[in-house]
Amino acid sequence: MKKILSVICGLAVATSLFAAKAKTSGPVTINLWSFTDEIPGMVEKYIATHPDCGFTVNSTIIATTEGAYQPALDQALQNGGKDAPDIYGLESAFVLKYTKGDMSSYATPYKNLGIDIDKAIKDADIASYTVDIGSNSKGQVNALGYQATGGCFIYRRSVAKKVFGTDDPKEVQKAIGGGSGSWDTFWKAAEKCAENGVAIVSGDGDIWHAVENSSDKGWIVKNKLYIDPKREAFLDISKNLTDKGWSNRTQDWQDAWFADMKGVGAKPVLGFFGPAWLINYTIAQNCGGTKVGEGTYGDWAVCNSPIGFFWGGTWIAASKYAAKDKAKKEAVRKIIEWITLDSSNDGLLYQWANGTYQWKAGKGADPTVNTKDAVSSGVVMSKSNGELPFLGGQNMFDYFVPAGAYANGKNLTAYDESINSEWRDQVRQYAAGKKSRADAIKDFKQSVSDKYGIDID
């Protein structure tokens, strides 16, 4: 969808993408680009709570479906001019292209906006992985996120009681080797689950993100394709999950995967690996209920993952064009600080963490209240109430705060979205017995070389 959302200090008017731009003779106009209405909604909220903001925002929203967002954003950045993006949202799947890769020259370091970034990151206790991802090749921060996407193990309480005799997070964590930095105890737990007619995970995709982000190196090393030993081990992990009955052999984002969240899959599933957003926007939406006693609602808890990892997130960058205009620079600084660095009780992060953030998606729309979510600031989560009825009243921040510290953001490349897809396809074929391990690796290398022109050994 392409549209412009014109926001003039509290007045939101939806217009066509091809409508006239705001008059330059009025308040300074900030051009905001995003792939959902989430960031524009945040800016609406800022303007509504800061009536003297003195700026207008034009938001261009283009969905990532069919790959439409990146080409349009690239062209807009390259063209420059009065309509060039001043602020733009970047999804984890392609953020490195804009912070370290081919399009990174268009992002300005936050310090150029007048932000004392090192102090701000320290004061807010921003997780290092999100800082690493949002830094350019010189180590300068040119994008930051607002969500914390460090991952935990999200498990069914009733299933844990069946297998381990307890649903206490500390005890379940011991049983799966949470925080150990090793998979050894987890695989022992998988065997115990199987003995009790339980799958420890739904499918190999539930393990992949922890494996991917715990690797020592990324897919590209010295301009050549590199298969980190920890990622290569995913072949054996997937095979064991399939052959030993440790999973329900589902594929993430498919109906069978969602069925396991509702508890109606082939076998009961102990849990899923993921960040807080997986709880709020995926498991909760597919649990079969909206209150305790319905479906699996209330039958969940979280504990530390055996391996630290993160999954997903959105980063916000400011363009070099905004940094050159004094009035724009000030407006952009205020927006970015409020969304990504403000750890006060009035900032977006505190409202988001405590479930009080509310905004209207356009004129006449009903207010939308977000559920409590993990945010980028450890300071905010430490003083917030992360208790959720969905988790049986557990305070999820007790585990998601340290989860951010365990995550590693230094093994990503700009090619990850595409190469991950190729790798996982070959792994599935090997696990299903459709090809040998050697052929899976060989075909993976050849496919990456043919499709993306990346050198292979």
Protein backbone atom coordinates (compact mmCIF):
# COMPACT_ATOMS: atom_id res chain seq x y z
CA MET A 1 0.00 0.00 0.00
CA LYS A 2 1.24 3.45 -0.89
CA LYS A 3 -0.12 6.47 0.86
CA ILE A 4 0.89 9.66 2.54
CA LEU A 5 -0.18 10.36 6.08
CA SER A 6 0.11 14.10 6.64
CA VAL A 7 0.42 14.91 10.32
CA ILE A 8 0.31 18.56 11.31
CA CYS A 9 0.73 18.78 15.08
CA GLY A 10 -2.15 16.49 15.95
CA LEU A 11 -4.18 16.65 12.72
CA ALA A 12 -3.88 13.43 10.69
CA VAL A 13 -5.15 13.39 7.11
CA ALA A 14 -4.74 10.40 4.76
CA THR A 15 -3.96 11.42 1.18
CA SER A 16 -2.82 9.75 -2.01
CA LEU A 17 0.87 9.12 -2.64
CA PHE A 18 0.54 11.42 -5.61
CA ALA A 19 -1.12 14.26 -3.73
CA ALA A 20 0.62 17.61 -3.36
CA LYS A 21 3.25 17.86 -0.68
CA ALA A 22 2.90 20.12 2.34
CA LYS A 23 3.75 23.75 1.62
CA THR A 24 7.33 24.59 2.43
CA SER A 25 6.30 28.05 3.60
CA GLY A 26 4.65 26.55 6.70
CA PRO A 27 6.24 24.49 9.48
CA VAL A 28 9.25 22.40 8.57
CA THR A 29 8.19 19.17 6.87
CA ILE A 30 9.78 15.82 7.75
CA ASN A 31 9.53 13.04 5.14
CA LEU A 32 9.09 9.70 6.89
CA TRP A 33 9.27 6.36 5.08
CA SER A 34 8.16 3.07 6.59
CA PHE A 35 6.94 -0.41 5.59
CA THR A 36 4.07 -0.44 8.15
CA ASP A 37 2.06 2.23 9.94
CA GLU A 38 3.87 1.51 13.21
CA ILE A 39 6.48 4.27 13.08
CA PRO A 40 4.05 6.83 11.60
CA GLY A 41 1.74 5.99 14.51
CA MET A 42 4.56 6.72 16.94
CA VAL A 43 5.15 10.09 15.32
CA GLU A 44 1.42 10.85 15.53
CA LYS A 45 1.62 10.11 19.24
CA TYR A 46 4.66 12.37 19.65
CA ILE A 47 2.92 15.25 17.92
CA ALA A 48 -0.27 14.76 19.94
CA THR A 49 1.68 14.91 23.20
CA HIS A 50 3.99 17.72 22.06
CA PRO A 51 1.58 20.31 20.60
CA ASP A 52 4.34 22.88 20.20
CA CYS A 53 6.46 20.56 18.05
CA GLY A 54 6.37 22.98 15.12
CA PHE A 55 6.77 20.48 12.31
CA THR A 56 4.74 18.58 9.75
CA VAL A 57 5.32 14.95 8.80
CA ASN A 58 4.58 13.29 5.47
CA SER A 59 4.64 9.50 5.87
CA THR A 60 5.06 7.21 2.90
CA ILE A 61 4.12 3.61 3.71
CA ILE A 62 5.06 0.85 1.28
CA ALA A 63 4.68 -2.77 2.37
CA THR A 64 7.62 -5.15 2.07
CA THR A 65 5.44 -7.68 0.26
CA GLU A 66 6.74 -8.50 -3.22
CA GLY A 67 9.92 -6.60 -2.36
CA ALA A 68 8.38 -3.19 -3.07
CA TYR A 69 9.77 -1.16 -0.17
CA GLN A 70 13.52 -1.30 -0.70
CA PRO A 71 13.62 -0.32 -4.40
CA ALA A 72 11.30 2.60 -3.76
CA LEU A 73 13.30 3.74 -0.74
CA ASP A 74 16.58 3.38 -2.61
CA GLN A 75 15.33 5.51 -5.48
CA ALA A 76 13.99 8.18 -3.14
CA LEU A 77 17.31 8.37 -1.28
CA GLN A 78 19.31 8.49 -4.49
CA ASN A 79 17.12 11.14 -6.07
CA GLY A 80 17.42 13.51 -3.11
CA GLY A 81 15.61 16.81 -3.34
CA LYS A 82 12.81 18.22 -1.20
CA ASP A 83 10.92 14.91 -1.19
CA ALA A 84 13.87 12.79 -0.06
CA PRO A 85 13.33 10.68 3.06
CA ASP A 86 14.48 12.33 6.28
CA ILE A 87 13.66 9.37 8.53
CA TYR A 88 13.18 5.79 7.38
CA GLY A 89 12.38 2.45 8.98
CA LEU A 90 14.57 -0.61 8.39
CA GLU A 91 13.57 -4.21 9.04
CA SER A 92 16.11 -6.66 10.49
CA ALA A 93 16.06 -8.65 7.25
CA PHE A 94 17.64 -5.77 5.31
CA VAL A 95 18.86 -3.24 7.88
CA LEU A 96 22.56 -3.91 7.22
CA LYS A 97 22.22 -2.78 3.63
CA TYR A 98 21.43 0.70 4.99
CA THR A 99 23.74 0.79 8.01
CA LYS A 100 26.87 -0.92 6.64
CA GLY A 101 26.16 -1.89 3.03
CA ASP A 102 25.56 -0.32 -0.38
CA MET A 103 23.05 2.27 0.86
CA SER A 104 24.80 3.20 4.11
CA SER A 105 26.20 6.46 2.73
CA TYR A 106 22.71 7.97 2.84
CA ALA A 107 22.32 7.51 6.61
CA THR A 108 23.79 10.13 8.91
CA PRO A 109 25.33 9.16 12.26
CA TYR A 110 23.08 10.09 15.17
CA LYS A 111 25.83 12.32 16.54
CA ASN A 112 25.37 14.56 13.48
CA LEU A 113 21.85 15.26 14.71
CA GLY A 114 23.25 16.65 17.94
CA ILE A 115 22.73 13.47 20.00
CA ASP A 116 25.41 12.55 22.54
CA ILE A 117 24.93 8.98 21.41
CA ASP A 118 27.48 7.17 23.57
CA LYS A 119 26.07 8.72 26.74
CA ALA A 120 22.48 8.19 25.62
CA ILE A 121 23.08 4.48 24.92
CA LYS A 122 24.73 4.02 28.30
CA ASP A 123 22.07 5.97 30.18
CA ALA A 124 19.24 3.96 28.60
CA ASP A 125 21.12 0.63 28.74
CA ILE A 126 20.57 -0.21 25.08
CA ALA A 127 21.48 -3.84 24.25
CA SER A 128 24.80 -4.08 22.42
CA TYR A 129 23.50 -6.26 19.59
CA THR A 130 21.09 -3.56 18.40
CA VAL A 131 23.89 -0.98 18.58
CA ASP A 132 26.23 -3.22 16.56
CA ILE A 133 23.62 -3.72 13.86
CA GLY A 134 22.84 -0.01 13.71
CA SER A 135 26.47 1.12 13.41
CA ASN A 136 28.28 1.87 10.17
CA SER A 137 31.67 0.49 9.11
CA LYS A 138 33.37 3.21 11.18
CA GLY A 139 31.50 2.22 14.33
CA GLN A 140 29.23 5.27 14.26
CA VAL A 141 25.60 4.65 15.24
CA ASN A 142 23.34 5.60 12.35
CA ALA A 143 20.23 3.58 13.30
CA LEU A 144 18.65 2.19 16.46
CA GLY A 145 15.62 0.07 17.23
CA TYR A 146 12.86 0.48 19.79
CA GLN A 147 11.97 -3.17 20.37
CA ALA A 148 14.15 -5.65 22.22
CA THR A 149 14.21 -8.86 20.21
CA GLY A 150 16.55 -10.96 22.30
CA GLY A 151 15.12 -14.47 22.48
CA CYS A 152 13.99 -16.77 25.28
CA PHE A 153 12.45 -20.24 25.43
CA ILE A 154 8.66 -19.83 25.53
CA TYR A 155 7.07 -22.98 26.89
CA ARG A 156 3.73 -24.54 27.80
CA ARG A 157 3.34 -24.85 31.57
CA SER A 158 1.12 -27.93 31.42
CA VAL A 159 3.49 -29.73 29.06
CA ALA A 160 6.49 -28.87 31.26
CA LYS A 161 4.68 -30.36 34.26
CA LYS A 162 4.02 -33.54 32.27
CA VAL A 163 7.68 -33.93 31.29
CA PHE A 164 9.63 -32.37 34.18
CA GLY A 165 7.08 -32.40 36.98
CA THR A 166 7.19 -28.61 37.33
CA ASP A 167 6.35 -25.46 35.40
CA ASP A 168 8.58 -23.18 37.47
CA PRO A 169 10.74 -21.10 35.07
CA LYS A 170 13.92 -21.61 37.11
CA GLU A 171 13.46 -25.39 37.14
CA VAL A 172 12.48 -25.63 33.48
CA GLN A 173 15.51 -23.50 32.64
CA LYS A 174 17.75 -26.01 34.41
CA ALA A 175 16.04 -28.88 32.60
CA ILE A 176 16.73 -27.43 29.14
CA GLY A 177 20.17 -25.95 29.90
CA GLY A 178 19.01 -22.35 29.72
CA GLY A 179 21.90 -19.89 29.89
CA SER A 180 24.50 -22.66 29.59
CA GLY A 181 25.82 -21.66 26.16
CA SER A 182 25.49 -25.28 25.04
CA TRP A 183 22.79 -27.47 23.45
CA ASP A 184 23.85 -30.64 25.32
CA THR A 185 21.27 -30.45 28.11
CA PHE A 186 18.58 -29.39 25.67
CA TRP A 187 18.99 -32.56 23.62
CA LYS A 188 18.74 -34.65 26.78
CA ALA A 189 15.52 -32.81 27.50
CA ALA A 190 14.36 -33.59 23.95
CA GLU A 191 14.82 -37.31 24.66
CA LYS A 192 12.85 -37.01 27.89
CA CYS A 193 10.09 -35.16 26.04
CA ALA A 194 9.94 -37.90 23.40
CA GLU A 195 9.61 -40.56 26.13
CA ASN A 196 6.52 -38.70 27.32
CA GLY A 197 4.95 -38.32 23.88
CA VAL A 198 5.99 -34.68 23.61
CA ALA A 199 7.87 -32.77 20.90
CA ILE A 200 10.37 -30.35 22.42
CA VAL A 201 9.79 -27.90 19.52
CA SER A 202 7.30 -27.67 16.69
CA GLY A 203 9.83 -27.68 13.84
CA ASP A 204 13.45 -26.99 12.98
CA GLY A 205 12.64 -23.33 12.35
CA ASP A 206 12.18 -22.95 16.09
CA ILE A 207 15.85 -23.78 16.55
CA TRP A 208 17.24 -21.97 13.52
CA HIS A 209 17.28 -18.40 14.82
CA ALA A 210 19.18 -19.44 17.93
CA VAL A 211 21.67 -21.36 15.77
CA GLU A 212 22.02 -18.59 13.19
CA ASN A 213 22.70 -15.82 15.68
CA SER A 214 25.08 -17.83 17.85
CA SER A 215 27.50 -18.46 15.00
CA ASP A 216 30.96 -16.93 15.26
CA LYS A 217 30.97 -15.62 11.70
CA GLY A 218 28.41 -14.60 9.10
CA TRP A 219 27.69 -15.95 5.64
CA ILE A 220 30.28 -13.75 3.92
CA VAL A 221 33.95 -13.78 4.98
CA LYS A 222 36.55 -12.02 2.84
CA ASN A 223 33.98 -11.64 0.04
CA LYS A 224 33.35 -15.39 -0.14
CA LEU A 225 30.55 -17.63 1.06
CA TYR A 226 31.37 -19.12 4.45
CA ILE A 227 29.45 -21.79 6.33
CA ASP A 228 30.12 -21.35 10.02
CA PRO A 229 30.49 -24.72 11.79
CA LYS A 230 27.61 -23.83 14.12
CA ARG A 231 25.37 -23.18 11.13
CA GLU A 232 26.55 -26.32 9.38
CA ALA A 233 25.56 -28.25 12.52
CA PHE A 234 21.97 -27.22 11.80
CA LEU A 235 21.91 -30.01 9.23
CA ASP A 236 22.36 -32.57 11.99
CA ILE A 237 20.00 -30.74 14.33
CA SER A 238 17.21 -30.74 11.77
CA LYS A 239 17.85 -34.39 10.92
CA ASN A 240 17.68 -35.42 14.58
CA LEU A 241 14.51 -33.44 15.17
CA THR A 242 12.95 -35.30 12.25
CA ASP A 243 14.32 -38.82 12.70
CA LYS A 244 14.06 -39.00 16.49
CA GLY A 245 10.59 -37.53 16.74
CA TRP A 246 11.78 -34.51 18.69
CA SER A 247 9.55 -32.17 16.66
CA ASN A 248 6.23 -32.20 14.83
CA ARG A 249 8.12 -31.52 11.60
CA THR A 250 6.26 -28.26 10.98
CA GLN A 251 7.47 -25.28 9.02
CA ASP A 252 7.31 -21.88 10.68
CA TRP A 253 4.49 -19.56 9.60
CA GLN A 254 2.45 -22.48 8.27
CA ASP A 255 -0.87 -23.78 9.60
CA ALA A 256 0.65 -26.78 11.41
CA TRP A 257 3.02 -24.45 13.30
CA PHE A 258 0.11 -22.32 14.47
CA ALA A 259 -1.83 -25.46 15.43
CA ASP A 260 0.96 -26.39 17.84
CA MET A 261 0.53 -23.02 19.56
CA LYS A 262 -3.13 -23.85 20.08
CA GLY A 263 -2.22 -27.29 21.39
CA VAL A 264 -3.99 -29.23 18.63
CA GLY A 265 -0.97 -30.47 16.65
CA ALA A 266 0.26 -34.01 16.10
CA LYS A 267 1.88 -34.12 19.55
CA PRO A 268 1.99 -31.65 22.44
CA VAL A 269 4.87 -29.22 21.98
CA LEU A 270 6.97 -28.03 24.91
CA GLY A 271 7.92 -24.67 23.49
CA PHE A 272 9.17 -22.18 20.93
CA PHE A 273 12.28 -20.00 20.77
CA GLY A 274 11.59 -16.32 20.27
CA PRO A 275 11.44 -12.70 21.47
CA ALA A 276 8.54 -11.02 23.25
CA TRP A 277 6.92 -10.12 19.95
CA LEU A 278 6.47 -13.83 19.19
CA ILE A 279 4.40 -14.11 22.36
CA ASN A 280 2.32 -11.00 21.75
CA TYR A 281 1.70 -11.08 18.04
CA THR A 282 2.01 -14.75 17.08
CA ILE A 283 1.49 -17.27 19.89
CA ALA A 284 -1.21 -15.21 21.61
CA GLN A 285 -2.98 -14.70 18.30
CA ASN A 286 -2.99 -18.44 17.60
CA CYS A 287 -3.56 -19.89 21.08
CA GLY A 288 -7.29 -20.44 20.60
CA GLY A 289 -8.47 -17.98 23.24
CA THR A 290 -8.40 -14.47 24.65
CA LYS A 291 -8.53 -15.20 28.38
CA VAL A 292 -7.31 -17.78 30.86
CA GLY A 293 -9.04 -21.11 30.32
CA GLU A 294 -9.55 -20.63 26.59
CA GLY A 295 -7.25 -22.62 24.32
CA THR A 296 -3.70 -22.39 25.67
CA TYR A 297 -4.09 -18.82 26.93
CA GLY A 298 -2.42 -18.53 30.34
CA ASP A 299 -0.58 -21.84 29.93
CA TRP A 300 2.74 -20.26 28.96
CA ALA A 301 5.95 -19.06 30.60
CA VAL A 302 9.47 -18.02 29.59
CA CYS A 303 12.98 -18.92 30.68
CA ASN A 304 16.46 -18.36 29.29
CA SER A 305 17.46 -20.06 26.06
CA PRO A 306 20.49 -22.38 26.08
CA ILE A 307 22.04 -20.08 23.47
CA GLY A 308 21.71 -16.30 23.32
CA PHE A 309 20.10 -14.94 20.14
CA PHE A 310 17.80 -12.28 18.72
CA TRP A 311 15.12 -12.44 16.07
CA GLY A 312 13.71 -9.52 14.16
CA GLY A 313 13.32 -5.86 15.01
CA THR A 314 12.98 -2.49 13.30
CA TRP A 315 15.68 0.18 13.18
CA ILE A 316 15.22 3.89 12.48
CA ALA A 317 17.71 5.86 10.41
CA ALA A 318 18.00 9.55 9.56
CA SER A 319 19.22 10.63 6.14
CA LYS A 320 22.17 12.84 5.33
CA TYR A 321 19.70 15.31 3.82
CA ALA A 322 17.99 15.91 7.16
CA ALA A 323 21.34 16.55 8.84
CA LYS A 324 22.12 19.39 6.41
CA ASP A 325 18.98 21.38 7.26
CA LYS A 326 19.09 23.01 10.71
CA ALA A 327 15.32 23.03 11.25
CA LYS A 328 14.86 19.49 9.97
CA LYS A 329 17.79 18.21 11.97
CA GLU A 330 16.25 19.46 15.21
CA ALA A 331 12.86 17.91 14.44
CA VAL A 332 14.41 14.59 13.42
CA ARG A 333 16.54 14.55 16.57
CA LYS A 334 13.47 14.99 18.77
CA ILE A 335 11.58 12.19 17.03
CA ILE A 336 14.46 9.71 17.08
CA GLU A 337 15.36 10.41 20.71
CA TRP A 338 11.75 9.99 21.85
CA ILE A 339 11.31 6.70 20.00
CA THR A 340 14.68 5.02 20.60
CA LEU A 341 16.51 6.59 23.56
CA ASP A 342 14.11 8.28 25.97
CA SER A 343 14.01 6.12 29.12
CA SER A 344 11.77 8.50 31.08
CA ASN A 345 8.19 7.64 31.98
CA ASP A 346 7.03 10.02 29.25
CA GLY A 347 8.93 8.35 26.41
CA LEU A 348 7.56 5.90 23.88
CA LEU A 349 9.65 3.04 25.33
CA TYR A 350 8.06 3.24 28.77
CA GLN A 351 4.56 3.43 27.31
CA TRP A 352 5.30 0.50 25.00
CA ALA A 353 6.77 -1.66 27.77
CA ASN A 354 3.82 -1.04 30.09
CA GLY A 355 1.08 -1.43 27.49
CA THR A 356 -0.17 2.14 27.79
CA TYR A 357 0.91 3.36 24.35
CA GLN A 358 -2.18 4.42 22.41
CA TRP A 359 -2.57 6.01 19.00
CA LYS A 360 -5.06 6.46 16.18
CA ALA A 361 -4.18 5.13 12.72
CA GLY A 362 -5.57 8.02 10.73
CA LYS A 363 -8.54 10.38 11.08
CA GLY A 364 -11.57 8.75 12.67
CA ALA A 365 -9.80 5.50 13.54
CA ASP A 366 -10.34 3.80 16.87
CA PRO A 367 -7.48 4.05 19.36
CA THR A 368 -5.08 1.12 19.36
CA VAL A 369 -3.44 0.03 22.61
CA ASN A 370 -0.34 -2.13 22.37
CA THR A 371 0.24 -5.06 24.66
CA LYS A 372 3.25 -4.94 26.97
CA ASP A 373 6.38 -5.56 24.93
CA ALA A 374 10.12 -5.82 25.43
CA VAL A 375 11.84 -2.57 24.43
CA SER A 376 15.37 -1.55 23.57
CA SER A 377 16.08 0.12 26.91
CA GLY A 378 17.07 -2.12 29.79
CA VAL A 379 16.49 0.82 32.15
CA VAL A 380 12.87 1.06 31.04
CA MET A 381 12.18 -2.67 31.35
CA SER A 382 13.81 -2.81 34.78
CA LYS A 383 11.31 -0.26 36.13
CA SER A 384 8.31 -1.58 34.20
CA ASN A 385 5.67 -4.16 34.97
CA GLY A 386 6.04 -7.03 32.52
CA GLU A 387 3.43 -9.30 34.10
CA LEU A 388 1.11 -10.91 31.55
CA PRO A 389 -2.00 -13.04 32.16
CA PHE A 390 -1.00 -14.92 29.03
CA LEU A 391 2.14 -16.06 30.86
CA GLY A 392 0.26 -17.05 34.00
CA GLY A 393 1.12 -13.70 35.58
CA GLN A 394 4.88 -14.03 35.02
CA ASN A 395 6.96 -10.87 34.61
CA MET A 396 8.56 -11.53 31.24
CA PHE A 397 11.12 -8.75 31.70
CA ASP A 398 12.92 -10.88 34.30
CA TYR A 399 14.13 -12.97 31.35
CA PHE A 400 13.94 -10.67 28.34
CA VAL A 401 16.24 -8.03 29.88
CA PRO A 402 19.19 -10.46 30.15
CA ALA A 403 18.21 -12.02 26.82
CA GLY A 404 19.21 -8.80 25.08
CA ALA A 405 22.65 -8.94 26.66
CA TYR A 406 23.21 -12.51 25.44
CA ALA A 407 22.40 -11.70 21.81
CA ASN A 408 25.10 -11.20 19.18
CA GLY A 409 24.73 -8.71 16.33
CA LYS A 410 28.20 -9.03 14.79
CA ASN A 411 27.61 -12.05 12.55
CA LEU A 412 25.08 -10.53 10.16
CA THR A 413 25.53 -9.64 6.50
CA ALA A 414 23.43 -7.73 4.01
CA TYR A 415 22.69 -11.03 2.22
CA ASP A 416 21.19 -12.86 5.21
CA GLU A 417 17.54 -12.84 4.15
CA SER A 418 18.29 -14.50 0.81
CA ILE A 419 21.04 -16.87 1.92
CA ASN A 420 19.07 -18.04 4.97
CA SER A 421 16.22 -19.05 2.69
CA GLU A 422 18.54 -21.06 0.45
CA TRP A 423 20.18 -22.77 3.43
CA ARG A 424 16.98 -23.72 5.16
CA ASP A 425 15.55 -25.16 1.97
CA GLN A 426 18.56 -27.45 1.54
CA VAL A 427 18.48 -28.43 5.23
CA ARG A 428 14.82 -29.43 4.95
CA GLN A 429 15.56 -31.61 1.93
CA TYR A 430 18.39 -33.34 3.76
CA ALA A 431 16.33 -33.86 6.94
CA ALA A 432 13.50 -35.34 4.88
CA GLY A 433 15.91 -37.83 3.28
CA LYS A 434 15.59 -36.34 -0.20
CA LYS A 435 19.33 -35.78 -0.62
CA SER A 436 22.61 -36.53 1.09
CA ARG A 437 24.35 -34.16 3.49
CA ALA A 438 27.16 -33.57 0.98
CA ASP A 439 24.70 -32.84 -1.84
CA ALA A 440 22.73 -30.43 0.33
CA ILE A 441 25.88 -28.40 1.02
CA LYS A 442 27.01 -28.60 -2.61
CA ASP A 443 23.63 -27.49 -3.95
CA PHE A 444 23.45 -24.68 -1.40
CA LYS A 445 26.80 -23.27 -2.47
CA GLN A 446 25.95 -23.50 -6.15
CA SER A 447 22.57 -21.84 -5.70
CA VAL A 448 24.07 -18.93 -3.77
CA SER A 449 26.74 -18.49 -6.42
CA ASP A 450 24.27 -18.65 -9.32
CA LYS A 451 21.61 -16.36 -7.82
CA TYR A 452 23.70 -13.78 -5.99
CA GLY A 453 27.09 -13.88 -7.67
CA ILE A 454 28.89 -14.65 -4.42
CA ASP A 455 32.22 -16.45 -4.72
CA ILE A 456 32.44 -19.96 -3.33
CA ASP A 457 35.40 -22.26 -2.69
